[in-house]
C-alpha atoms as a PDB file:
ATOM      1  CA  UNK A   1     201.243 172.364 121.430  1.00  0.00           C
ATOM      2  CA  UNK A   2     199.149 169.279 120.796  1.00  0.00           C
ATOM      3  CA  UNK A   3     195.881 167.975 122.152  1.00  0.00           C
ATOM      4  CA  UNK A   4     197.785 165.134 123.867  1.00  0.00           C
ATOM      5  CA  UNK A   5     200.553 166.826 125.836  1.00  0.00           C
ATOM      6  CA  UNK A   6     203.269 164.747 127.475  1.00  0.00           C
ATOM      7  CA  UNK A   7     205.019 165.580 130.691  1.00  0.00           C
ATOM      8  CA  UNK A   8     208.766 165.020 130.384  1.00  0.00           C
ATOM      9  CA  UNK A   9     211.670 165.457 132.718  1.00  0.00           C
ATOM     10  CA  UNK A  10     213.971 168.375 132.020  1.00  0.00           C
ATOM     11  CA  UNK A  11     216.728 165.984 130.933  1.00  0.00           C
ATOM     12  CA  UNK A  12     214.421 164.256 128.423  1.00  0.00           C
ATOM     13  CA  UNK A  13     213.213 167.607 127.107  1.00  0.00           C
ATOM     14  CA  UNK A  14     216.792 168.777 126.595  1.00  0.00           C
ATOM     15  CA  UNK A  15     217.698 165.526 124.800  1.00  0.00           C
ATOM     16  CA  UNK A  16     214.689 165.967 122.520  1.00  0.00           C
ATOM     17  CA  UNK A  17     215.489 169.631 121.891  1.00  0.00           C
ATOM     18  CA  UNK A  18     219.131 168.829 121.109  1.00  0.00           C
ATOM     19  CA  UNK A  19     218.181 166.077 118.673  1.00  0.00           C
ATOM     20  CA  UNK A  20     215.558 168.170 116.878  1.00  0.00           C
ATOM     21  CA  UNK A  21     217.611 171.368 116.627  1.00  0.00           C
ATOM     22  CA  UNK A  22     221.347 171.705 117.192  1.00  0.00           C
ATOM     23  CA  UNK A  23     222.200 168.056 116.370  1.00  0.00           C
ATOM     24  CA  UNK A  24     219.709 167.709 113.517  1.00  0.00           C
ATOM     25  CA  UNK A  25     221.301 167.896 110.025  1.00  0.00           C
ATOM     26  CA  UNK A  26     218.129 169.340 108.502  1.00  0.00           C
ATOM     27  CA  UNK A  27     218.028 172.123 111.085  1.00  0.00           C
ATOM     28  CA  UNK A  28     221.682 173.135 111.014  1.00  0.00           C
ATOM     29  CA  UNK A  29     221.873 172.862 107.210  1.00  0.00           C
ATOM     30  CA  UNK A  30     218.964 175.275 106.909  1.00  0.00           C
ATOM     31  CA  UNK A  31     220.629 177.619 109.404  1.00  0.00           C
ATOM     32  CA  UNK A  32     223.859 177.624 107.369  1.00  0.00           C
ATOM     33  CA  UNK A  33     221.857 178.679 104.301  1.00  0.00           C
ATOM     34  CA  UNK A  34     221.030 181.872 106.200  1.00  0.00           C
ATOM     35  CA  UNK A  35     224.714 182.760 106.240  1.00  0.00           C
ATOM     36  CA  UNK A  36     225.954 185.177 108.871  1.00  0.00           C
ATOM     37  CA  UNK A  37     222.698 185.132 110.854  1.00  0.00           C
ATOM     38  CA  UNK A  38     222.413 181.343 110.627  1.00  0.00           C
ATOM     39  CA  UNK A  39     225.766 180.872 112.358  1.00  0.00           C
ATOM     40  CA  UNK A  40     224.617 183.302 115.043  1.00  0.00           C
ATOM     41  CA  UNK A  41     221.403 181.285 115.509  1.00  0.00           C
ATOM     42  CA  UNK A  42     223.381 178.039 115.913  1.00  0.00           C
ATOM     43  CA  UNK A  43     225.608 179.733 118.491  1.00  0.00           C
ATOM     44  CA  UNK A  44     222.611 181.070 120.405  1.00  0.00           C
ATOM     45  CA  UNK A  45     220.950 177.639 120.398  1.00  0.00           C
ATOM     46  CA  UNK A  46     224.122 176.196 121.896  1.00  0.00           C
ATOM     47  CA  UNK A  47     224.170 178.965 124.521  1.00  0.00           C
ATOM     48  CA  UNK A  48     220.656 177.940 125.564  1.00  0.00           C
ATOM     49  CA  UNK A  49     221.782 174.337 125.890  1.00  0.00           C
ATOM     50  CA  UNK A  50     224.814 175.413 127.902  1.00  0.00           C
ATOM     51  CA  UNK A  51     222.526 177.428 130.148  1.00  0.00           C
ATOM     52  CA  UNK A  52     220.711 174.264 131.180  1.00  0.00           C
ATOM     53  CA  UNK A  53     224.066 172.829 132.282  1.00  0.00           C
ATOM     54  CA  UNK A  54     224.873 175.935 134.260  1.00  0.00           C
ATOM     55  CA  UNK A  55     221.489 176.234 135.959  1.00  0.00           C
ATOM     56  CA  UNK A  56     220.214 172.665 136.255  1.00  0.00           C
ATOM     57  CA  UNK A  57     223.127 170.333 135.387  1.00  0.00           C
ATOM     58  CA  UNK A  58     220.670 168.774 132.935  1.00  0.00           C
ATOM     59  CA  UNK A  59     222.788 168.312 129.787  1.00  0.00           C
ATOM     60  CA  UNK A  60     224.613 165.042 129.286  1.00  0.00           C
ATOM     61  CA  UNK A  61     228.230 165.113 128.099  1.00  0.00           C
ATOM     62  CA  UNK A  62     227.396 163.258 124.870  1.00  0.00           C
ATOM     63  CA  UNK A  63     225.478 166.344 123.671  1.00  0.00           C
ATOM     64  CA  UNK A  64     228.701 168.357 123.883  1.00  0.00           C
ATOM     65  CA  UNK A  65     230.601 165.591 122.087  1.00  0.00           C
ATOM     66  CA  UNK A  66     228.116 165.647 119.234  1.00  0.00           C
ATOM     67  CA  UNK A  67     228.203 169.440 119.026  1.00  0.00           C
ATOM     68  CA  UNK A  68     231.981 169.256 118.782  1.00  0.00           C
ATOM     69  CA  UNK A  69     231.841 166.570 116.086  1.00  0.00           C
ATOM     70  CA  UNK A  70     229.329 168.446 113.932  1.00  0.00           C
ATOM     71  CA  UNK A  71     230.590 172.011 114.219  1.00  0.00           C
ATOM     72  CA  UNK A  72     234.298 171.753 114.998  1.00  0.00           C
ATOM     73  CA  UNK A  73     235.672 168.352 114.028  1.00  0.00           C
ATOM     74  CA  UNK A  74     234.059 168.410 110.586  1.00  0.00           C
ATOM     75  CA  UNK A  75     236.547 170.518 108.600  1.00  0.00           C
ATOM     76  CA  UNK A  76     234.045 171.568 105.932  1.00  0.00           C
ATOM     77  CA  UNK A  77     231.479 172.733 108.497  1.00  0.00           C
ATOM     78  CA  UNK A  78     234.143 174.485 110.551  1.00  0.00           C
ATOM     79  CA  UNK A  79     235.546 176.366 107.553  1.00  0.00           C
ATOM     80  CA  UNK A  80     232.070 177.262 106.324  1.00  0.00           C
ATOM     81  CA  UNK A  81     231.012 178.681 109.679  1.00  0.00           C
ATOM     82  CA  UNK A  82     234.258 180.622 110.063  1.00  0.00           C
ATOM     83  CA  UNK A  83     233.826 182.140 106.613  1.00  0.00           C
ATOM     84  CA  UNK A  84     230.211 183.087 107.268  1.00  0.00           C
ATOM     85  CA  UNK A  85     230.577 184.550 110.768  1.00  0.00           C
ATOM     86  CA  UNK A  86     233.953 184.231 112.468  1.00  0.00           C
ATOM     87  CA  UNK A  87     232.840 186.286 115.471  1.00  0.00           C
ATOM     88  CA  UNK A  88     229.916 184.002 116.380  1.00  0.00           C
ATOM     89  CA  UNK A  89     231.990 180.919 115.631  1.00  0.00           C
ATOM     90  CA  UNK A  90     234.696 182.080 118.046  1.00  0.00           C
ATOM     91  CA  UNK A  91     232.095 182.760 120.736  1.00  0.00           C
ATOM     92  CA  UNK A  92     230.689 179.280 120.090  1.00  0.00           C
ATOM     93  CA  UNK A  93     234.101 177.605 120.497  1.00  0.00           C
ATOM     94  CA  UNK A  94     234.825 179.623 123.643  1.00  0.00           C
ATOM     95  CA  UNK A  95     231.513 178.535 125.151  1.00  0.00           C
ATOM     96  CA  UNK A  96     232.342 174.905 124.387  1.00  0.00           C
ATOM     97  CA  UNK A  97     235.708 175.337 126.153  1.00  0.00           C
ATOM     98  CA  UNK A  98     233.902 176.933 129.067  1.00  0.00           C
ATOM     99  CA  UNK A  99     231.631 173.875 129.207  1.00  0.00           C
ATOM    100  CA  UNK A 100     234.718 171.763 129.736  1.00  0.00           C
ATOM    101  CA  UNK A 101     236.296 174.143 132.253  1.00  0.00           C
ATOM    102  CA  UNK A 102     233.135 174.117 134.361  1.00  0.00           C
ATOM    103  CA  UNK A 103     232.915 170.326 134.316  1.00  0.00           C
ATOM    104  CA  UNK A 104     229.830 170.000 132.114  1.00  0.00           C
ATOM    105  CA  UNK A 105     231.692 168.238 129.312  1.00  0.00           C
ATOM    106  CA  UNK A 106     234.240 165.423 129.538  1.00  0.00           C
ATOM    107  CA  UNK A 107     236.317 166.454 126.518  1.00  0.00           C
ATOM    108  CA  UNK A 108     239.311 164.571 125.206  1.00  0.00           C
ATOM    109  CA  UNK A 109     242.686 166.246 124.811  1.00  0.00           C
ATOM    110  CA  UNK A 110     242.250 166.139 121.021  1.00  0.00           C
ATOM    111  CA  UNK A 111     238.957 168.028 121.316  1.00  0.00           C
ATOM    112  CA  UNK A 112     240.470 170.633 123.618  1.00  0.00           C
ATOM    113  CA  UNK A 113     243.526 171.076 121.387  1.00  0.00           C
ATOM    114  CA  UNK A 114     241.299 171.647 118.354  1.00  0.00           C
ATOM    115  CA  UNK A 115     239.214 174.283 120.142  1.00  0.00           C
ATOM    116  CA  UNK A 116     242.246 176.042 121.600  1.00  0.00           C
ATOM    117  CA  UNK A 117     243.905 176.134 118.188  1.00  0.00           C
ATOM    118  CA  UNK A 118     240.803 177.818 116.762  1.00  0.00           C
ATOM    119  CA  UNK A 119     241.082 180.522 119.399  1.00  0.00           C
ATOM    120  CA  UNK A 120     244.741 181.406 118.754  1.00  0.00           C
END
């Protein structure tokens, strides 16, 4: 998209994408302002990230840790997303659990307990 393109590895591109979108406070704050659809957009963005784990094993575990910290560990964010779109939020938490179950994420027991409690 620029006159000086850079060739990056898939892993570097995913790191950049994660930092500029799903882990970026400006991005996710603006998504939350869109309410129901914003939560759905966050969930879809995470699904795309997950897809790169499933197809290319190209997502580092720290990305999943940060996603957990932002969207599930933070009580205010968690409550806000649940109130705006509980369906998408549940799909999001299930996908994060699936990331662990498939070995893409090295979650702690505390992280797993929190996600499982959300899905009860």
